[in-house]
Each structure stands twice: as structure tokens, then as C-alpha cells.
């Protein structure tokens, strides 16, 4: 049985990746910041699949070298999902950029030392936004200009981490595949609603967030994201490629609220915040400032290569939205 070293196993995407790997017959070694998290992760995974003896854990830190080589040494693949995220703009960009870049390089260096042939890296569509003005179709060849006016620390962290990965493998006998979701939604496996995706839906369905910002982008179902991560491990055509994993087209955020309202979520507000108001508030609110790359813009990515390579069709937008809302509602009503 082939073993996959999976970073970020406790996260929203990481948990789904672990479940998909186990379902597809891989053994999983997951890295956590604290080994005390292991039991709760196992409990969550057991609700989806019986891991038998094919799940183990190790304690690692994205900013420390300790333990990486040993952790990866007995694995066949590396899946690097872990990455820092702040919804608010950090006072110091390096709070995001440093762990993203250094964590990526630690995973790659350990993989190379262990003779691992392929690494699958979780990147993002935010690493593909060009000049961050929303005026061009996003393809596998698109890169975010980190010097652009509205390139936030998060955009820079994902872009620079991915660029460092491609640079690292240039002269090495190792393959890299990068996966690029848009904003990721879909059902959560844990009861944790603190992440960006779950927080948005929680605020929308409870009526706490009455207005969405005016923006459109391809959105991603976490189940699709996990599926393509796993398929990318051994698909021969995937080597050296960047894959957008998202809906077929860009959707306005207001479509989420309209769909929820029409499906019985009575507290949902369907308003759209005026662009000028968001821009004004961004001067005083770091969370609003983080939205500036998207306000009044449309980012549309092409998924044709992903569909063709993996013989894949994305989960429909409507199913993604309603399944997410149901998942969040069930947790809120416990």
C-alpha cells in the first residue's frame, strides 16, 4: 500500500483529502502542529471511512526544520495542503508569507531527500489573478503580480509559495502538480465553523451578514478539491501542471444568498454592498481591506484542462451551496 504524507490534515481541505485518500486505498501520515489533535481528527475521519491501521500522525511546524526528513522518509508521495490564512490583513506581511514559503520549501526538501517522485501542492486561484484588476480569463499560465496595487499579503503568500516550489524542482528529478481552487465551500467534516468558508455561511444563514460584496469568481466544492488532489498523485498527464478546480463559470456572491433565500433560509439577506462603501470602510477595517482585490471585479478561470486530464465534472454550484448551508445549519442546531 502506498503512503501519502499529508500536511494540514486537521484543516477543512486536509480532512477531506485524508478521507478521500483512505477511500482510494492509500495509507496516510498526517502532520499536525500538536499531536494532541490526533484523537479528534481520527474521530472525525471515522465518521466517513474506517482508517484501520492506515492512518498515523507526526508533529511538525511550518517554520521549524525539526522532524521533516524523518516524517517523510517512509512515504511514497507528499501532499502539501497546510498554509496560513488570515481573513484580516496582518500588520506584518511576513506573518503570512514566511510560513507559506518556508513551509512549502521544507515539504519539498524533505520529499527530495526521501527520493519521492511527486508532490501535489495546494495553491489557489489567487496565485493566478494577473494585475488583480479582473479583466482577463484566468488559465494555467496566469500568475498574480505581487507588486500590483491590491495584491494583499494572502495573495502574495500563495503566489510566492507556489513560485518557490516550481523554482525548487527545476533541476531535480521530482514532479510537481499544483491545485488551484477558488473560494472553497461544501460540507465540513468537523464541527469547527471558525474557518473563512464556514464563517461566511454561518453569518449568512443566521442573518448576521445582510450584504455581499459585488464580485464574481469560480467557486470550489471541497469534495472536488480533495478528489483532484488524490487523482493528481498518479495521473501521468498531470506532472508539471497547474489545475484550476472550481465551477465551470464565475458566480456572483449574491447568487449564494438568492439560492439560500429561495430554499427556505428565511433570515438570509440578499443585498449587495455598494463598492464605494466597501472601499471607504477598508480604510478603517482590515477585513474589508482584504476584500479590495475582489470588489467590483470578475475573475473567471478555465477548468477545461482539469476536466480533460482527470475526466472530471465539477459538483454543481447549487449543490455546493445547499450542502454547505445544510452542514452549517446542522452544527448550529445541535
C-alpha atoms as a PDB file:
ATOM      1  CA  UNK A   1       0.000   0.000   0.000  1.00  0.00           C
ATOM      2  CA  UNK A   2       1.339   3.420  -0.981  1.00  0.00           C
ATOM      3  CA  UNK A   3       1.660   6.007   1.767  1.00  0.00           C
ATOM      4  CA  UNK A   4       0.966   9.730   1.397  1.00  0.00           C
ATOM      5  CA  UNK A   5       2.472  12.350   3.676  1.00  0.00           C
ATOM      6  CA  UNK A   6      -0.284  14.944   4.170  1.00  0.00           C
ATOM      7  CA  UNK A   7       0.323  18.336   5.769  1.00  0.00           C
ATOM      8  CA  UNK A   8      -2.577  20.318   7.200  1.00  0.00           C
ATOM      9  CA  UNK A   9      -4.671  17.210   7.892  1.00  0.00           C
ATOM     10  CA  UNK A  10      -6.698  18.967  10.598  1.00  0.00           C
ATOM     11  CA  UNK A  11      -7.913  21.706   8.248  1.00  0.00           C
ATOM     12  CA  UNK A  12     -11.097  21.963   6.193  1.00  0.00           C
ATOM     13  CA  UNK A  13      -9.472  20.783   2.938  1.00  0.00           C
ATOM     14  CA  UNK A  14      -6.943  18.498   4.651  1.00  0.00           C
ATOM     15  CA  UNK A  15      -9.627  16.406   6.376  1.00  0.00           C
ATOM     16  CA  UNK A  16     -11.431  15.864   3.080  1.00  0.00           C
ATOM     17  CA  UNK A  17      -8.127  14.900   1.422  1.00  0.00           C
ATOM     18  CA  UNK A  18      -7.403  12.373   4.192  1.00  0.00           C
ATOM     19  CA  UNK A  19     -10.825  10.760   3.808  1.00  0.00           C
ATOM     20  CA  UNK A  20     -10.507  10.590   0.012  1.00  0.00           C
ATOM     21  CA  UNK A  21      -7.003   9.097   0.239  1.00  0.00           C
ATOM     22  CA  UNK A  22      -8.167   6.384   2.639  1.00  0.00           C
ATOM     23  CA  UNK A  23     -11.208   5.616   0.482  1.00  0.00           C
ATOM     24  CA  UNK A  24      -8.940   5.217  -2.553  1.00  0.00           C
ATOM     25  CA  UNK A  25      -6.669   2.738  -0.784  1.00  0.00           C
ATOM     26  CA  UNK A  26      -3.750   4.924   0.319  1.00  0.00           C
ATOM     27  CA  UNK A  27      -2.195   4.954   3.773  1.00  0.00           C
ATOM     28  CA  UNK A  28      -1.938   8.441   5.295  1.00  0.00           C
ATOM     29  CA  UNK A  29       0.616  10.076   7.562  1.00  0.00           C
ATOM     30  CA  UNK A  30      -0.736  13.447   8.645  1.00  0.00           C
ATOM     31  CA  UNK A  31       1.234  16.301  10.132  1.00  0.00           C
ATOM     32  CA  UNK A  32      -0.241  18.360  12.964  1.00  0.00           C
ATOM     33  CA  UNK A  33       1.099  21.276  14.974  1.00  0.00           C
ATOM     34  CA  UNK A  34       0.214  19.416  18.160  1.00  0.00           C
ATOM     35  CA  UNK A  35      -0.073  15.647  18.451  1.00  0.00           C
ATOM     36  CA  UNK A  36      -2.894  16.216  20.959  1.00  0.00           C
ATOM     37  CA  UNK A  37      -5.131  16.912  17.936  1.00  0.00           C
ATOM     38  CA  UNK A  38      -4.745  13.363  16.618  1.00  0.00           C
ATOM     39  CA  UNK A  39      -7.620  11.728  18.503  1.00  0.00           C
ATOM     40  CA  UNK A  40     -10.189  14.328  17.458  1.00  0.00           C
ATOM     41  CA  UNK A  41      -9.038  14.018  13.819  1.00  0.00           C
ATOM     42  CA  UNK A  42      -9.360  10.228  13.935  1.00  0.00           C
ATOM     43  CA  UNK A  43     -12.870  10.574  15.380  1.00  0.00           C
ATOM     44  CA  UNK A  44     -13.914  12.855  12.512  1.00  0.00           C
ATOM     45  CA  UNK A  45     -12.384  10.617   9.837  1.00  0.00           C
ATOM     46  CA  UNK A  46     -14.103   7.533  11.306  1.00  0.00           C
ATOM     47  CA  UNK A  47     -17.486   9.142  10.556  1.00  0.00           C
ATOM     48  CA  UNK A  48     -16.602   8.879   6.851  1.00  0.00           C
ATOM     49  CA  UNK A  49     -14.294   5.869   6.453  1.00  0.00           C
ATOM     50  CA  UNK A  50     -12.662   3.166   8.593  1.00  0.00           C
ATOM     51  CA  UNK A  51      -8.942   4.054   8.577  1.00  0.00           C
ATOM     52  CA  UNK A  52      -7.986   0.631  10.004  1.00  0.00           C
ATOM     53  CA  UNK A  53      -4.205   0.771  10.561  1.00  0.00           C
ATOM     54  CA  UNK A  54      -3.608   3.119   7.632  1.00  0.00           C
ATOM     55  CA  UNK A  55      -3.606   6.448   9.471  1.00  0.00           C
ATOM     56  CA  UNK A  56      -0.768   7.874  11.571  1.00  0.00           C
ATOM     57  CA  UNK A  57       0.379  11.291  12.755  1.00  0.00           C
ATOM     58  CA  UNK A  58       3.514  13.313  13.354  1.00  0.00           C
ATOM     59  CA  UNK A  59       4.092  16.736  14.910  1.00  0.00           C
ATOM     60  CA  UNK A  60       5.623  19.376  12.632  1.00  0.00           C
ATOM     61  CA  UNK A  61       5.899  23.150  12.418  1.00  0.00           C
ATOM     62  CA  UNK A  62       5.954  25.021   9.082  1.00  0.00           C
ATOM     63  CA  UNK A  63       8.641  27.328  10.496  1.00  0.00           C
ATOM     64  CA  UNK A  64      10.952  24.701  12.014  1.00  0.00           C
ATOM     65  CA  UNK A  65      13.182  22.107  10.372  1.00  0.00           C
ATOM     66  CA  UNK A  66      12.778  19.566  13.172  1.00  0.00           C
ATOM     67  CA  UNK A  67      11.297  16.233  12.134  1.00  0.00           C
ATOM     68  CA  UNK A  68      10.538  16.852   8.459  1.00  0.00           C
ATOM     69  CA  UNK A  69      13.076  14.429   6.980  1.00  0.00           C
ATOM     70  CA  UNK A  70      12.137  11.637   9.346  1.00  0.00           C
ATOM     71  CA  UNK A  71       8.407  12.190   8.816  1.00  0.00           C
ATOM     72  CA  UNK A  72       8.601  11.921   5.024  1.00  0.00           C
ATOM     73  CA  UNK A  73      11.251   9.177   4.809  1.00  0.00           C
ATOM     74  CA  UNK A  74       8.841   6.215   4.647  1.00  0.00           C
ATOM     75  CA  UNK A  75       6.276   7.801   2.296  1.00  0.00           C
ATOM     76  CA  UNK A  76       5.664   7.466  -1.454  1.00  0.00           C
ATOM     77  CA  UNK A  77       4.043  10.864  -2.109  1.00  0.00           C
ATOM     78  CA  UNK A  78       3.762  14.259  -0.451  1.00  0.00           C
ATOM     79  CA  UNK A  79       0.535  16.282  -0.447  1.00  0.00           C
ATOM     80  CA  UNK A  80       1.247  19.749   0.955  1.00  0.00           C
ATOM     81  CA  UNK A  81      -2.065  21.329   1.933  1.00  0.00           C
ATOM     82  CA  UNK A  82      -1.071  23.310   5.039  1.00  0.00           C
ATOM     83  CA  UNK A  83      -0.858  27.074   4.608  1.00  0.00           C
ATOM     84  CA  UNK A  84      -1.510  30.012   6.938  1.00  0.00           C
ATOM     85  CA  UNK A  85      -4.601  32.154   6.388  1.00  0.00           C
ATOM     86  CA  UNK A  86      -5.856  35.371   7.984  1.00  0.00           C
ATOM     87  CA  UNK A  87      -9.162  36.946   6.940  1.00  0.00           C
ATOM     88  CA  UNK A  88      -7.826  40.270   8.218  1.00  0.00           C
ATOM     89  CA  UNK A  89      -4.737  41.928   6.779  1.00  0.00           C
ATOM     90  CA  UNK A  90      -1.823  41.205   9.150  1.00  0.00           C
ATOM     91  CA  UNK A  91       0.215  44.171  10.324  1.00  0.00           C
ATOM     92  CA  UNK A  92       3.323  42.450   9.014  1.00  0.00           C
ATOM     93  CA  UNK A  93       3.009  40.652   5.640  1.00  0.00           C
ATOM     94  CA  UNK A  94       5.678  38.171   6.672  1.00  0.00           C
ATOM     95  CA  UNK A  95       3.260  36.671   9.214  1.00  0.00           C
ATOM     96  CA  UNK A  96       1.577  35.077   6.197  1.00  0.00           C
ATOM     97  CA  UNK A  97       4.297  34.983   3.563  1.00  0.00           C
ATOM     98  CA  UNK A  98       7.124  33.480   5.620  1.00  0.00           C
ATOM     99  CA  UNK A  99       5.325  30.325   6.852  1.00  0.00           C
ATOM    100  CA  UNK A 100       3.722  29.797   3.427  1.00  0.00           C
ATOM    101  CA  UNK A 101       7.020  29.925   1.527  1.00  0.00           C
ATOM    102  CA  UNK A 102       9.193  28.255   4.167  1.00  0.00           C
ATOM    103  CA  UNK A 103       6.648  25.506   4.872  1.00  0.00           C
ATOM    104  CA  UNK A 104       6.405  24.717   1.153  1.00  0.00           C
ATOM    105  CA  UNK A 105      10.175  24.518   0.813  1.00  0.00           C
ATOM    106  CA  UNK A 106      10.515  22.335   3.919  1.00  0.00           C
ATOM    107  CA  UNK A 107       7.987  19.870   2.475  1.00  0.00           C
ATOM    108  CA  UNK A 108       9.762  19.833  -0.904  1.00  0.00           C
ATOM    109  CA  UNK A 109      13.249  19.488   0.556  1.00  0.00           C
ATOM    110  CA  UNK A 110      12.158  16.572   2.737  1.00  0.00           C
ATOM    111  CA  UNK A 111      10.442  14.957  -0.263  1.00  0.00           C
ATOM    112  CA  UNK A 112      13.557  15.333  -2.394  1.00  0.00           C
ATOM    113  CA  UNK A 113      15.798  13.910   0.326  1.00  0.00           C
ATOM    114  CA  UNK A 114      13.457  10.900   0.664  1.00  0.00           C
ATOM    115  CA  UNK A 115      13.552  10.267  -3.108  1.00  0.00           C
ATOM    116  CA  UNK A 116       9.843  10.975  -3.528  1.00  0.00           C
ATOM    117  CA  UNK A 117       8.878  11.276  -7.172  1.00  0.00           C
ATOM    118  CA  UNK A 118       5.810  13.524  -6.978  1.00  0.00           C
ATOM    119  CA  UNK A 119       4.482  16.293  -4.743  1.00  0.00           C
ATOM    120  CA  UNK A 120       0.944  17.674  -5.002  1.00  0.00           C
ATOM    121  CA  UNK A 121       0.742  21.242  -3.683  1.00  0.00           C
ATOM    122  CA  UNK A 122      -2.391  23.164  -2.739  1.00  0.00           C
ATOM    123  CA  UNK A 123      -2.107  26.580  -4.363  1.00  0.00           C
ATOM    124  CA  UNK A 124      -5.067  28.811  -5.207  1.00  0.00           C
ATOM    125  CA  UNK A 125      -6.720  30.838  -7.941  1.00  0.00           C
ATOM    126  CA  UNK A 126      -5.440  33.876  -6.027  1.00  0.00           C
ATOM    127  CA  UNK A 127      -1.981  32.974  -7.359  1.00  0.00           C
ATOM    128  CA  UNK A 128      -3.385  33.470 -10.887  1.00  0.00           C
ATOM    129  CA  UNK A 129      -5.018  36.918 -10.780  1.00  0.00           C
ATOM    130  CA  UNK A 130      -2.640  38.828 -13.082  1.00  0.00           C
ATOM    131  CA  UNK A 131      -2.620  42.524 -12.144  1.00  0.00           C
ATOM    132  CA  UNK A 132      -5.573  41.972  -9.761  1.00  0.00           C
ATOM    133  CA  UNK A 133      -7.966  44.020 -11.852  1.00  0.00           C
ATOM    134  CA  UNK A 134     -10.229  41.206 -13.048  1.00  0.00           C
ATOM    135  CA  UNK A 135     -10.009  41.931 -16.756  1.00  0.00           C
ATOM    136  CA  UNK A 136      -8.704  38.665 -18.187  1.00  0.00           C
ATOM    137  CA  UNK A 137      -9.588  34.986 -18.391  1.00  0.00           C
ATOM    138  CA  UNK A 138      -7.544  33.007 -15.900  1.00  0.00           C
ATOM    139  CA  UNK A 139      -5.685  29.999 -17.292  1.00  0.00           C
ATOM    140  CA  UNK A 140      -2.970  27.626 -16.105  1.00  0.00           C
ATOM    141  CA  UNK A 141      -0.428  30.157 -17.399  1.00  0.00           C
ATOM    142  CA  UNK A 142      -1.725  33.072 -15.311  1.00  0.00           C
ATOM    143  CA  UNK A 143       0.279  34.438 -12.386  1.00  0.00           C
ATOM    144  CA  UNK A 144      -0.585  37.130  -9.840  1.00  0.00           C
ATOM    145  CA  UNK A 145       1.605  40.225  -9.995  1.00  0.00           C
ATOM    146  CA  UNK A 146       2.714  40.501  -6.354  1.00  0.00           C
ATOM    147  CA  UNK A 147       3.561  44.187  -6.930  1.00  0.00           C
ATOM    148  CA  UNK A 148       0.016  45.024  -8.048  1.00  0.00           C
ATOM    149  CA  UNK A 149      -1.820  47.721  -6.088  1.00  0.00           C
ATOM    150  CA  UNK A 150      -4.351  45.370  -4.500  1.00  0.00           C
ATOM    151  CA  UNK A 151      -2.106  42.328  -4.029  1.00  0.00           C
ATOM    152  CA  UNK A 152      -2.758  41.538  -0.369  1.00  0.00           C
ATOM    153  CA  UNK A 153      -0.477  39.547   1.913  1.00  0.00           C
ATOM    154  CA  UNK A 154      -2.606  36.439   1.326  1.00  0.00           C
ATOM    155  CA  UNK A 155      -2.344  36.751  -2.469  1.00  0.00           C
ATOM    156  CA  UNK A 156       1.398  37.253  -2.149  1.00  0.00           C
ATOM    157  CA  UNK A 157       1.788  34.283   0.211  1.00  0.00           C
ATOM    158  CA  UNK A 158       0.068  31.837  -2.144  1.00  0.00           C
ATOM    159  CA  UNK A 159       1.844  33.194  -5.232  1.00  0.00           C
ATOM    160  CA  UNK A 160       5.320  33.296  -3.721  1.00  0.00           C
ATOM    161  CA  UNK A 161       4.934  29.864  -2.095  1.00  0.00           C
ATOM    162  CA  UNK A 162       3.985  28.318  -5.428  1.00  0.00           C
ATOM    163  CA  UNK A 163       6.738  30.126  -7.322  1.00  0.00           C
ATOM    164  CA  UNK A 164       9.279  28.908  -4.784  1.00  0.00           C
ATOM    165  CA  UNK A 165       8.057  25.350  -5.350  1.00  0.00           C
ATOM    166  CA  UNK A 166       8.450  25.498  -9.135  1.00  0.00           C
ATOM    167  CA  UNK A 167      11.859  27.101  -8.724  1.00  0.00           C
ATOM    168  CA  UNK A 168      12.963  24.385  -6.279  1.00  0.00           C
ATOM    169  CA  UNK A 169      12.142  21.438  -8.552  1.00  0.00           C
ATOM    170  CA  UNK A 170      13.680  22.995 -11.698  1.00  0.00           C
ATOM    171  CA  UNK A 171      16.900  20.985 -11.592  1.00  0.00           C
ATOM    172  CA  UNK A 172      15.617  17.960  -9.661  1.00  0.00           C
ATOM    173  CA  UNK A 173      14.242  14.570 -10.643  1.00  0.00           C
ATOM    174  CA  UNK A 174      10.965  15.300  -8.919  1.00  0.00           C
ATOM    175  CA  UNK A 175       7.491  16.063 -10.246  1.00  0.00           C
ATOM    176  CA  UNK A 176       5.187  18.818  -9.011  1.00  0.00           C
ATOM    177  CA  UNK A 177       1.451  19.276  -9.532  1.00  0.00           C
ATOM    178  CA  UNK A 178      -0.349  22.360  -8.190  1.00  0.00           C
ATOM    179  CA  UNK A 179      -4.074  22.526  -7.427  1.00  0.00           C
ATOM    180  CA  UNK A 180      -5.846  25.895  -7.678  1.00  0.00           C
ATOM    181  CA  UNK A 181      -9.285  26.203  -6.068  1.00  0.00           C
ATOM    182  CA  UNK A 182     -11.287  29.400  -5.896  1.00  0.00           C
ATOM    183  CA  UNK A 183     -13.106  30.173  -2.633  1.00  0.00           C
ATOM    184  CA  UNK A 184     -13.786  26.710  -1.183  1.00  0.00           C
ATOM    185  CA  UNK A 185     -17.190  25.683   0.167  1.00  0.00           C
ATOM    186  CA  UNK A 186     -19.024  22.381   0.643  1.00  0.00           C
ATOM    187  CA  UNK A 187     -19.858  20.406   3.781  1.00  0.00           C
ATOM    188  CA  UNK A 188     -17.479  20.495   6.718  1.00  0.00           C
ATOM    189  CA  UNK A 189     -16.434  17.187   8.284  1.00  0.00           C
ATOM    190  CA  UNK A 190     -15.699  18.660  11.698  1.00  0.00           C
ATOM    191  CA  UNK A 191     -17.824  20.847  13.991  1.00  0.00           C
ATOM    192  CA  UNK A 192     -15.392  23.729  13.562  1.00  0.00           C
ATOM    193  CA  UNK A 193     -17.087  26.759  11.997  1.00  0.00           C
ATOM    194  CA  UNK A 194     -14.191  29.177  12.589  1.00  0.00           C
ATOM    195  CA  UNK A 195     -12.682  28.927   9.100  1.00  0.00           C
ATOM    196  CA  UNK A 196     -13.349  31.547   6.434  1.00  0.00           C
ATOM    197  CA  UNK A 197     -15.784  29.408   4.398  1.00  0.00           C
ATOM    198  CA  UNK A 198     -17.879  28.203   7.309  1.00  0.00           C
ATOM    199  CA  UNK A 199     -17.915  31.634   8.943  1.00  0.00           C
ATOM    200  CA  UNK A 200     -19.353  33.194   5.783  1.00  0.00           C
ATOM    201  CA  UNK A 201     -22.201  30.680   5.594  1.00  0.00           C
ATOM    202  CA  UNK A 202     -22.843  30.888   9.327  1.00  0.00           C
ATOM    203  CA  UNK A 203     -23.166  34.672   9.127  1.00  0.00           C
ATOM    204  CA  UNK A 204     -25.373  34.499   6.021  1.00  0.00           C
ATOM    205  CA  UNK A 205     -27.870  31.881   7.218  1.00  0.00           C
ATOM    206  CA  UNK A 206     -28.202  33.446  10.692  1.00  0.00           C
ATOM    207  CA  UNK A 207     -28.861  36.876   9.150  1.00  0.00           C
ATOM    208  CA  UNK A 208     -25.721  38.415  10.628  1.00  0.00           C
ATOM    209  CA  UNK A 209     -24.380  39.283   7.155  1.00  0.00           C
ATOM    210  CA  UNK A 210     -27.060  41.080   5.147  1.00  0.00           C
ATOM    211  CA  UNK A 211     -24.991  42.215   2.169  1.00  0.00           C
ATOM    212  CA  UNK A 212     -22.441  40.520  -0.070  1.00  0.00           C
ATOM    213  CA  UNK A 213     -19.679  42.382  -1.858  1.00  0.00           C
ATOM    214  CA  UNK A 214     -20.117  42.896  -5.597  1.00  0.00           C
ATOM    215  CA  UNK A 215     -17.747  40.328  -7.099  1.00  0.00           C
ATOM    216  CA  UNK A 216     -17.797  37.167  -9.210  1.00  0.00           C
ATOM    217  CA  UNK A 217     -15.368  34.245  -9.194  1.00  0.00           C
ATOM    218  CA  UNK A 218     -15.315  30.496  -9.837  1.00  0.00           C
ATOM    219  CA  UNK A 219     -16.072  28.784  -6.537  1.00  0.00           C
ATOM    220  CA  UNK A 220     -14.931  25.329  -5.462  1.00  0.00           C
ATOM    221  CA  UNK A 221     -16.552  22.391  -3.713  1.00  0.00           C
ATOM    222  CA  UNK A 222     -14.177  20.933  -1.128  1.00  0.00           C
ATOM    223  CA  UNK A 223     -15.135  17.412  -2.258  1.00  0.00           C
ATOM    224  CA  UNK A 224     -13.914  18.207  -5.786  1.00  0.00           C
ATOM    225  CA  UNK A 225     -10.741  19.791  -4.428  1.00  0.00           C
ATOM    226  CA  UNK A 226      -9.933  16.657  -2.411  1.00  0.00           C
ATOM    227  CA  UNK A 227     -10.773  14.358  -5.322  1.00  0.00           C
ATOM    228  CA  UNK A 228      -8.418  16.125  -7.741  1.00  0.00           C
ATOM    229  CA  UNK A 229      -5.622  16.243  -5.146  1.00  0.00           C
ATOM    230  CA  UNK A 230      -5.807  12.449  -4.918  1.00  0.00           C
ATOM    231  CA  UNK A 231      -6.147  11.837  -8.671  1.00  0.00           C
ATOM    232  CA  UNK A 232      -3.145  14.124  -9.264  1.00  0.00           C
ATOM    233  CA  UNK A 233      -0.855  11.798  -7.306  1.00  0.00           C
ATOM    234  CA  UNK A 234      -0.569   9.224 -10.069  1.00  0.00           C
ATOM    235  CA  UNK A 235      -2.068  10.684 -13.253  1.00  0.00           C
ATOM    236  CA  UNK A 236       0.784  10.688 -15.791  1.00  0.00           C
ATOM    237  CA  UNK A 237      -0.539  13.721 -17.682  1.00  0.00           C
ATOM    238  CA  UNK A 238      -0.666  15.803 -14.502  1.00  0.00           C
ATOM    239  CA  UNK A 239       3.097  16.084 -13.979  1.00  0.00           C
ATOM    240  CA  UNK A 240       4.364  19.655 -14.131  1.00  0.00           C
ATOM    241  CA  UNK A 241       0.881  21.136 -14.490  1.00  0.00           C
ATOM    242  CA  UNK A 242      -1.302  23.681 -12.687  1.00  0.00           C
ATOM    243  CA  UNK A 243      -5.000  22.786 -12.385  1.00  0.00           C
ATOM    244  CA  UNK A 244      -7.941  25.058 -11.598  1.00  0.00           C
ATOM    245  CA  UNK A 245     -10.544  23.077  -9.623  1.00  0.00           C
ATOM    246  CA  UNK A 246     -13.757  25.078  -9.479  1.00  0.00           C
ATOM    247  CA  UNK A 247     -17.158  25.681 -11.021  1.00  0.00           C
ATOM    248  CA  UNK A 248     -17.429  25.938 -14.791  1.00  0.00           C
ATOM    249  CA  UNK A 249     -18.080  29.683 -14.624  1.00  0.00           C
ATOM    250  CA  UNK A 250     -17.700  32.592 -12.240  1.00  0.00           C
ATOM    251  CA  UNK A 251     -20.684  33.229  -9.956  1.00  0.00           C
ATOM    252  CA  UNK A 252     -21.612  36.484  -8.195  1.00  0.00           C
ATOM    253  CA  UNK A 253     -21.678  36.092  -4.417  1.00  0.00           C
ATOM    254  CA  UNK A 254     -25.258  37.344  -4.440  1.00  0.00           C
ATOM    255  CA  UNK A 255     -26.212  34.058  -6.160  1.00  0.00           C
ATOM    256  CA  UNK A 256     -25.407  32.272  -2.885  1.00  0.00           C
ATOM    257  CA  UNK A 257     -27.842  34.394  -0.896  1.00  0.00           C
ATOM    258  CA  UNK A 258     -30.559  34.264  -3.570  1.00  0.00           C
ATOM    259  CA  UNK A 259     -30.340  30.473  -3.716  1.00  0.00           C
ATOM    260  CA  UNK A 260     -30.471  30.120   0.072  1.00  0.00           C
ATOM    261  CA  UNK A 261     -33.406  32.550   0.353  1.00  0.00           C
ATOM    262  CA  UNK A 262     -35.375  30.611  -2.273  1.00  0.00           C
ATOM    263  CA  UNK A 263     -34.699  27.351  -0.420  1.00  0.00           C
ATOM    264  CA  UNK A 264     -36.229  28.346   2.872  1.00  0.00           C
ATOM    265  CA  UNK A 265     -33.410  30.111   4.717  1.00  0.00           C
ATOM    266  CA  UNK A 266     -35.640  32.956   5.874  1.00  0.00           C
ATOM    267  CA  UNK A 267     -33.055  35.061   7.719  1.00  0.00           C
ATOM    268  CA  UNK A 268     -30.805  35.440   4.664  1.00  0.00           C
ATOM    269  CA  UNK A 269     -30.362  38.973   3.339  1.00  0.00           C
ATOM    270  CA  UNK A 270     -29.871  39.353  -0.417  1.00  0.00           C
ATOM    271  CA  UNK A 271     -28.377  42.831  -0.588  1.00  0.00           C
ATOM    272  CA  UNK A 272     -25.134  43.876  -2.265  1.00  0.00           C
ATOM    273  CA  UNK A 273     -22.789  46.295  -0.527  1.00  0.00           C
ATOM    274  CA  UNK A 274     -22.029  49.353  -2.714  1.00  0.00           C
ATOM    275  CA  UNK A 275     -18.435  49.294  -3.965  1.00  0.00           C
ATOM    276  CA  UNK A 276     -17.725  52.791  -2.624  1.00  0.00           C
ATOM    277  CA  UNK A 277     -18.826  51.751   0.875  1.00  0.00           C
ATOM    278  CA  UNK A 278     -16.504  48.737   0.952  1.00  0.00           C
ATOM    279  CA  UNK A 279     -13.615  50.863  -0.302  1.00  0.00           C
ATOM    280  CA  UNK A 280     -14.361  53.541   2.302  1.00  0.00           C
ATOM    281  CA  UNK A 281     -14.589  51.039   5.150  1.00  0.00           C
ATOM    282  CA  UNK A 282     -11.334  49.396   4.047  1.00  0.00           C
ATOM    283  CA  UNK A 283      -9.508  52.449   5.405  1.00  0.00           C
ATOM    284  CA  UNK A 284     -10.587  51.507   8.926  1.00  0.00           C
ATOM    285  CA  UNK A 285     -11.267  47.759   8.766  1.00  0.00           C
ATOM    286  CA  UNK A 286      -8.551  45.235   7.885  1.00  0.00           C
ATOM    287  CA  UNK A 287     -11.117  42.570   6.926  1.00  0.00           C
ATOM    288  CA  UNK A 288     -12.662  44.964   4.396  1.00  0.00           C
ATOM    289  CA  UNK A 289      -9.183  45.833   3.140  1.00  0.00           C
ATOM    290  CA  UNK A 290      -8.667  42.142   2.410  1.00  0.00           C
ATOM    291  CA  UNK A 291     -11.665  42.278   0.062  1.00  0.00           C
ATOM    292  CA  UNK A 292     -10.306  45.067  -2.137  1.00  0.00           C
ATOM    293  CA  UNK A 293      -8.797  42.697  -4.768  1.00  0.00           C
ATOM    294  CA  UNK A 294     -12.332  41.465  -5.483  1.00  0.00           C
ATOM    295  CA  UNK A 295     -14.659  44.460  -5.134  1.00  0.00           C
ATOM    296  CA  UNK A 296     -16.431  45.233  -8.413  1.00  0.00           C
ATOM    297  CA  UNK A 297     -14.356  42.652 -10.280  1.00  0.00           C
ATOM    298  CA  UNK A 298     -14.965  39.365 -12.063  1.00  0.00           C
ATOM    299  CA  UNK A 299     -12.349  36.604 -12.082  1.00  0.00           C
ATOM    300  CA  UNK A 300     -13.168  33.722 -14.379  1.00  0.00           C
ATOM    301  CA  UNK A 301     -10.899  30.707 -14.680  1.00  0.00           C
ATOM    302  CA  UNK A 302     -10.859  27.979 -17.309  1.00  0.00           C
ATOM    303  CA  UNK A 303     -11.274  24.429 -16.000  1.00  0.00           C
ATOM    304  CA  UNK A 304     -11.135  22.748 -19.427  1.00  0.00           C
ATOM    305  CA  UNK A 305      -7.678  21.248 -18.835  1.00  0.00           C
ATOM    306  CA  UNK A 306      -8.696  19.886 -15.429  1.00  0.00           C
ATOM    307  CA  UNK A 307     -11.850  18.309 -16.873  1.00  0.00           C
ATOM    308  CA  UNK A 308      -9.935  16.745 -19.738  1.00  0.00           C
ATOM    309  CA  UNK A 309      -6.972  15.458 -17.723  1.00  0.00           C
ATOM    310  CA  UNK A 310      -8.985  13.834 -14.943  1.00  0.00           C
ATOM    311  CA  UNK A 311     -12.213  13.043 -16.842  1.00  0.00           C
ATOM    312  CA  UNK A 312     -13.936  15.164 -14.223  1.00  0.00           C
ATOM    313  CA  UNK A 313     -17.076  17.288 -13.928  1.00  0.00           C
ATOM    314  CA  UNK A 314     -17.428  19.778 -11.068  1.00  0.00           C
ATOM    315  CA  UNK A 315     -20.167  19.423  -8.480  1.00  0.00           C
ATOM    316  CA  UNK A 316     -22.909  21.910  -9.492  1.00  0.00           C
ATOM    317  CA  UNK A 317     -22.913  25.327  -7.811  1.00  0.00           C
ATOM    318  CA  UNK A 318     -26.422  24.796  -6.431  1.00  0.00           C
ATOM    319  CA  UNK A 319     -25.496  21.504  -4.739  1.00  0.00           C
ATOM    320  CA  UNK A 320     -22.322  23.023  -3.297  1.00  0.00           C
ATOM    321  CA  UNK A 321     -24.222  25.964  -1.763  1.00  0.00           C
ATOM    322  CA  UNK A 322     -27.127  23.945  -0.362  1.00  0.00           C
ATOM    323  CA  UNK A 323     -24.911  21.172   1.023  1.00  0.00           C
ATOM    324  CA  UNK A 324     -22.731  23.780   2.750  1.00  0.00           C
ATOM    325  CA  UNK A 325     -25.742  25.514   4.282  1.00  0.00           C
ATOM    326  CA  UNK A 326     -27.188  22.205   5.467  1.00  0.00           C
ATOM    327  CA  UNK A 327     -23.845  21.217   7.021  1.00  0.00           C
ATOM    328  CA  UNK A 328     -23.542  24.527   8.886  1.00  0.00           C
ATOM    329  CA  UNK A 329     -27.206  24.502   9.959  1.00  0.00           C
ATOM    330  CA  UNK A 330     -26.888  21.010  11.435  1.00  0.00           C
ATOM    331  CA  UNK A 331     -23.957  22.137  13.581  1.00  0.00           C
ATOM    332  CA  UNK A 332     -25.730  25.339  14.688  1.00  0.00           C
ATOM    333  CA  UNK A 333     -28.866  23.403  15.650  1.00  0.00           C
ATOM    334  CA  UNK A 334     -27.111  20.820  17.833  1.00  0.00           C
END
